[in-house]
PDB file of N, CA and C in Angstrom:
ATOM      1  N   MET A   1      17.289 -19.649   9.798  1.00  0.00           N
ATOM      2  CA  MET A   1      15.980 -19.599   9.395  1.00  0.00           C
ATOM      3  C   MET A   1      15.765 -18.588   8.247  1.00  0.00           C
ATOM      4  N   GLY A   2      15.130 -18.932   7.181  1.00  0.00           N
ATOM      5  CA  GLY A   2      14.941 -18.204   6.068  1.00  0.00           C
ATOM      6  C   GLY A   2      13.835 -17.075   6.169  1.00  0.00           C
ATOM      7  N   LEU A   3      13.989 -16.126   5.358  1.00  0.00           N
ATOM      8  CA  LEU A   3      12.938 -15.086   5.462  1.00  0.00           C
ATOM      9  C   LEU A   3      11.857 -15.475   4.498  1.00  0.00           C
ATOM     10  N   LEU A   4      10.562 -15.334   5.031  1.00  0.00           N
ATOM     11  CA  LEU A   4       9.465 -15.667   4.458  1.00  0.00           C
ATOM     12  C   LEU A   4       8.659 -14.340   3.978  1.00  0.00           C
ATOM     13  N   ILE A   5       8.415 -14.166   2.682  1.00  0.00           N
ATOM     14  CA  ILE A   5       7.733 -12.961   2.215  1.00  0.00           C
ATOM     15  C   ILE A   5       6.332 -13.359   1.942  1.00  0.00           C
ATOM     16  N   ASP A   6       5.389 -12.663   2.657  1.00  0.00           N
ATOM     17  CA  ASP A   6       3.902 -12.996   2.351  1.00  0.00           C
ATOM     18  C   ASP A   6       3.288 -11.895   1.429  1.00  0.00           C
ATOM     19  N   MET A   7       3.907 -10.750   1.297  1.00  0.00           N
ATOM     20  CA  MET A   7       3.374  -9.769   0.483  1.00  0.00           C
ATOM     21  C   MET A   7       4.381  -8.752   0.115  1.00  0.00           C
ATOM     22  N   ILE A   8       4.083  -8.045  -1.016  1.00  0.00           N
ATOM     23  CA  ILE A   8       5.041  -7.006  -1.468  1.00  0.00           C
ATOM     24  C   ILE A   8       4.264  -5.783  -1.535  1.00  0.00           C
ATOM     25  N   LEU A   9       4.867  -4.615  -1.047  1.00  0.00           N
ATOM     26  CA  LEU A   9       4.146  -3.383  -1.024  1.00  0.00           C
ATOM     27  C   LEU A   9       4.827  -2.491  -2.074  1.00  0.00           C
ATOM     28  N   LYS A  10       3.954  -1.977  -2.934  1.00  0.00           N
ATOM     29  CA  LYS A  10       4.422  -1.023  -4.034  1.00  0.00           C
ATOM     30  C   LYS A  10       3.734   0.340  -3.737  1.00  0.00           C
ATOM     31  N   PRO A  11       4.626   1.374  -3.779  1.00  0.00           N
ATOM     32  CA  PRO A  11       4.150   2.756  -3.410  1.00  0.00           C
ATOM     33  C   PRO A  11       3.267   3.297  -4.642  1.00  0.00           C
ATOM     34  N   ASP A  12       2.307   4.008  -4.098  1.00  0.00           N
ATOM     35  CA  ASP A  12       1.408   4.693  -5.043  1.00  0.00           C
ATOM     36  C   ASP A  12       1.935   6.184  -4.900  1.00  0.00           C
ATOM     37  N   PHE A  13       2.779   6.631  -5.784  1.00  0.00           N
ATOM     38  CA  PHE A  13       3.375   7.957  -5.551  1.00  0.00           C
ATOM     39  C   PHE A  13       2.406   9.049  -5.848  1.00  0.00           C
ATOM     40  N   SER A  14       1.122   8.853  -6.367  1.00  0.00           N
ATOM     41  CA  SER A  14       0.125   9.877  -6.495  1.00  0.00           C
ATOM     42  C   SER A  14      -0.380  10.309  -5.056  1.00  0.00           C
ATOM     43  N   THR A  15      -0.064   9.372  -4.096  1.00  0.00           N
ATOM     44  CA  THR A  15      -0.606   9.790  -2.703  1.00  0.00           C
ATOM     45  C   THR A  15       0.352  10.378  -1.749  1.00  0.00           C
ATOM     46  N   VAL A  16       1.507  10.786  -2.319  1.00  0.00           N
ATOM     47  CA  VAL A  16       2.592  11.401  -1.423  1.00  0.00           C
ATOM     48  C   VAL A  16       1.953  12.704  -0.859  1.00  0.00           C
ATOM     49  N   SER A  17       2.131  12.920   0.440  1.00  0.00           N
ATOM     50  CA  SER A  17       1.760  14.077   1.174  1.00  0.00           C
ATOM     51  C   SER A  17       2.580  14.282   2.420  1.00  0.00           C
ATOM     52  N   ALA A  18       2.659  15.410   2.857  1.00  0.00           N
ATOM     53  CA  ALA A  18       3.482  15.906   4.027  1.00  0.00           C
ATOM     54  C   ALA A  18       2.740  15.078   5.241  1.00  0.00           C
ATOM     55  N   ALA A  19       3.565  14.510   6.154  1.00  0.00           N
ATOM     56  CA  ALA A  19       3.021  14.001   7.319  1.00  0.00           C
ATOM     57  C   ALA A  19       2.745  15.107   8.330  1.00  0.00           C
ATOM     58  N   PRO A  20       1.536  15.452   8.682  1.00  0.00           N
ATOM     59  CA  PRO A  20       1.284  16.651   9.498  1.00  0.00           C
ATOM     60  C   PRO A  20       1.762  16.547  10.939  1.00  0.00           C
ATOM     61  N   TRP A  21       2.041  15.309  11.461  1.00  0.00           N
ATOM     62  CA  TRP A  21       2.350  15.121  12.828  1.00  0.00           C
ATOM     63  C   TRP A  21       3.943  15.157  13.009  1.00  0.00           C
ATOM     64  N   THR A  22       4.650  15.458  11.905  1.00  0.00           N
ATOM     65  CA  THR A  22       6.069  15.680  12.267  1.00  0.00           C
ATOM     66  C   THR A  22       6.433  17.074  12.023  1.00  0.00           C
ATOM     67  N   GLY A  23       7.510  17.366  12.618  1.00  0.00           N
ATOM     68  CA  GLY A  23       8.062  18.874  12.471  1.00  0.00           C
ATOM     69  C   GLY A  23       9.127  19.061  11.467  1.00  0.00           C
ATOM     70  N   ASP A  24       9.322  18.042  10.547  1.00  0.00           N
ATOM     71  CA  ASP A  24      10.238  18.111   9.623  1.00  0.00           C
ATOM     72  C   ASP A  24       9.691  17.881   8.267  1.00  0.00           C
ATOM     73  N   TRP A  25      10.513  17.460   7.236  1.00  0.00           N
ATOM     74  CA  TRP A  25      10.022  17.351   5.919  1.00  0.00           C
ATOM     75  C   TRP A  25       9.700  15.790   5.588  1.00  0.00           C
ATOM     76  N   THR A  26       9.034  15.057   6.480  1.00  0.00           N
ATOM     77  CA  THR A  26       8.769  13.644   6.360  1.00  0.00           C
ATOM     78  C   THR A  26       7.512  13.746   5.498  1.00  0.00           C
ATOM     79  N   LEU A  27       7.565  12.810   4.477  1.00  0.00           N
ATOM     80  CA  LEU A  27       6.451  12.464   3.620  1.00  0.00           C
ATOM     81  C   LEU A  27       5.810  11.198   3.863  1.00  0.00           C
ATOM     82  N   GLN A  28       4.568  11.007   3.643  1.00  0.00           N
ATOM     83  CA  GLN A  28       3.874   9.756   3.689  1.00  0.00           C
ATOM     84  C   GLN A  28       3.518   9.275   2.323  1.00  0.00           C
ATOM     85  N   VAL A  29       3.471   7.986   2.176  1.00  0.00           N
ATOM     86  CA  VAL A  29       3.102   7.336   0.862  1.00  0.00           C
ATOM     87  C   VAL A  29       2.272   6.126   1.050  1.00  0.00           C
ATOM     88  N   ILE A  30       1.120   6.054   0.416  1.00  0.00           N
ATOM     89  CA  ILE A  30       0.259   4.861   0.698  1.00  0.00           C
ATOM     90  C   ILE A  30       0.654   3.816  -0.374  1.00  0.00           C
ATOM     91  N   HIS A  31       0.774   2.541   0.096  1.00  0.00           N
ATOM     92  CA  HIS A  31       1.230   1.431  -0.855  1.00  0.00           C
ATOM     93  C   HIS A  31       0.107   0.456  -1.094  1.00  0.00           C
ATOM     94  N   ASP A  32       0.135  -0.201  -2.132  1.00  0.00           N
ATOM     95  CA  ASP A  32      -0.661  -1.267  -2.631  1.00  0.00           C
ATOM     96  C   ASP A  32      -0.021  -2.595  -2.142  1.00  0.00           C
ATOM     97  N   ALA A  33      -0.709  -3.602  -1.829  1.00  0.00           N
ATOM     98  CA  ALA A  33      -0.398  -4.938  -1.390  1.00  0.00           C
ATOM     99  C   ALA A  33      -0.557  -5.889  -2.461  1.00  0.00           C
ATOM    100  N   TYR A  34       0.625  -6.648  -2.759  1.00  0.00           N
ATOM    101  CA  TYR A  34       0.446  -7.752  -3.782  1.00  0.00           C
ATOM    102  C   TYR A  34       1.178  -8.948  -3.151  1.00  0.00           C
ATOM    103  N   ASP A  35       0.619 -10.142  -3.721  1.00  0.00           N
ATOM    104  CA  ASP A  35       1.305 -11.398  -3.389  1.00  0.00           C
ATOM    105  C   ASP A  35       2.560 -11.690  -4.071  1.00  0.00           C
ATOM    106  N   ARG A  36       3.179 -12.842  -3.711  1.00  0.00           N
ATOM    107  CA  ARG A  36       4.456 -13.124  -4.345  1.00  0.00           C
ATOM    108  C   ARG A  36       4.334 -13.171  -5.811  1.00  0.00           C
ATOM    109  N   GLU A  37       3.260 -13.584  -6.425  1.00  0.00           N
ATOM    110  CA  GLU A  37       3.040 -13.695  -7.862  1.00  0.00           C
ATOM    111  C   GLU A  37       2.696 -12.340  -8.571  1.00  0.00           C
ATOM    112  N   GLY A  38       2.576 -11.250  -7.755  1.00  0.00           N
ATOM    113  CA  GLY A  38       2.340 -10.047  -8.403  1.00  0.00           C
ATOM    114  C   GLY A  38       0.867  -9.719  -8.389  1.00  0.00           C
ATOM    115  N   GLU A  39      -0.014 -10.510  -7.884  1.00  0.00           N
ATOM    116  CA  GLU A  39      -1.488 -10.276  -7.839  1.00  0.00           C
ATOM    117  C   GLU A  39      -1.869  -9.535  -6.698  1.00  0.00           C
ATOM    118  N   PRO A  40      -2.837  -8.604  -6.942  1.00  0.00           N
ATOM    119  CA  PRO A  40      -3.238  -7.702  -5.742  1.00  0.00           C
ATOM    120  C   PRO A  40      -3.883  -8.584  -4.670  1.00  0.00           C
ATOM    121  N   ILE A  41      -3.683  -8.446  -3.322  1.00  0.00           N
ATOM    122  CA  ILE A  41      -4.146  -9.122  -2.376  1.00  0.00           C
ATOM    123  C   ILE A  41      -5.546  -8.559  -2.147  1.00  0.00           C
ATOM    124  N   PRO A  42      -6.442  -9.454  -2.339  1.00  0.00           N
ATOM    125  CA  PRO A  42      -7.942  -9.031  -2.496  1.00  0.00           C
ATOM    126  C   PRO A  42      -8.584  -8.527  -1.130  1.00  0.00           C
ATOM    127  N   PHE A  43      -8.002  -8.907   0.001  1.00  0.00           N
ATOM    128  CA  PHE A  43      -8.613  -8.359   1.320  1.00  0.00           C
ATOM    129  C   PHE A  43      -7.766  -7.148   1.811  1.00  0.00           C
ATOM    130  N   SER A  44      -6.845  -6.572   1.164  1.00  0.00           N
ATOM    131  CA  SER A  44      -6.178  -5.448   1.548  1.00  0.00           C
ATOM    132  C   SER A  44      -7.143  -4.297   1.410  1.00  0.00           C
ATOM    133  N   PRO A  45      -7.096  -3.281   2.486  1.00  0.00           N
ATOM    134  CA  PRO A  45      -8.061  -2.249   2.492  1.00  0.00           C
ATOM    135  C   PRO A  45      -8.336  -1.501   1.104  1.00  0.00           C
ATOM    136  N   ARG A  46      -7.168  -1.097   0.559  1.00  0.00           N
ATOM    137  CA  ARG A  46      -7.251  -0.402  -0.704  1.00  0.00           C
ATOM    138  C   ARG A  46      -7.890  -1.208  -1.794  1.00  0.00           C
ATOM    139  N   ASN A  47      -7.686  -2.474  -1.851  1.00  0.00           N
ATOM    140  CA  ASN A  47      -8.225  -3.317  -2.976  1.00  0.00           C
ATOM    141  C   ASN A  47      -9.781  -3.600  -2.718  1.00  0.00           C
ATOM    142  N   VAL A  48     -10.129  -3.691  -1.441  1.00  0.00           N
ATOM    143  CA  VAL A  48     -11.546  -3.768  -1.044  1.00  0.00           C
ATOM    144  C   VAL A  48     -12.281  -2.560  -1.459  1.00  0.00           C
ATOM    145  N   LEU A  49     -11.728  -1.381  -1.147  1.00  0.00           N
ATOM    146  CA  LEU A  49     -12.268  -0.065  -1.610  1.00  0.00           C
ATOM    147  C   LEU A  49     -12.378   0.059  -3.069  1.00  0.00           C
ATOM    148  N   LYS A  50     -11.315  -0.343  -3.926  1.00  0.00           N
ATOM    149  CA  LYS A  50     -11.402  -0.255  -5.338  1.00  0.00           C
ATOM    150  C   LYS A  50     -12.622  -1.020  -5.755  1.00  0.00           C
ATOM    151  N   ARG A  51     -12.868  -2.220  -5.326  1.00  0.00           N
ATOM    152  CA  ARG A  51     -13.981  -3.202  -5.705  1.00  0.00           C
ATOM    153  C   ARG A  51     -15.442  -2.421  -5.428  1.00  0.00           C
ATOM    154  N   VAL A  52     -15.421  -1.907  -4.186  1.00  0.00           N
ATOM    155  CA  VAL A  52     -16.712  -1.257  -3.781  1.00  0.00           C
ATOM    156  C   VAL A  52     -16.994  -0.024  -4.710  1.00  0.00           C
ATOM    157  N   VAL A  53     -15.939   0.830  -4.972  1.00  0.00           N
ATOM    158  CA  VAL A  53     -16.114   1.930  -5.826  1.00  0.00           C
ATOM    159  C   VAL A  53     -16.605   1.595  -7.267  1.00  0.00           C
ATOM    160  N   LYS A  54     -16.101   0.451  -7.754  1.00  0.00           N
ATOM    161  CA  LYS A  54     -16.463  -0.082  -9.050  1.00  0.00           C
ATOM    162  C   LYS A  54     -17.911  -0.438  -9.073  1.00  0.00           C
ATOM    163  N   LEU A  55     -18.399  -0.986  -7.879  1.00  0.00           N
ATOM    164  CA  LEU A  55     -19.862  -1.216  -7.857  1.00  0.00           C
ATOM    165  C   LEU A  55     -20.778  -0.148  -8.158  1.00  0.00           C
TER     166      LEU A  55
END
């Protein structure tokens, strides 16, 4: 069976921060979701928020 990719996640490095629930140097990074053609997925939470903020 082949691998089916339904989205691509691209990191937004401006969101890097320490993960406060870990006791080590773990960082967390928020990602943006894109489809296979490189278009933003319209119903991903970050993209919904971006549209609302534009209004």
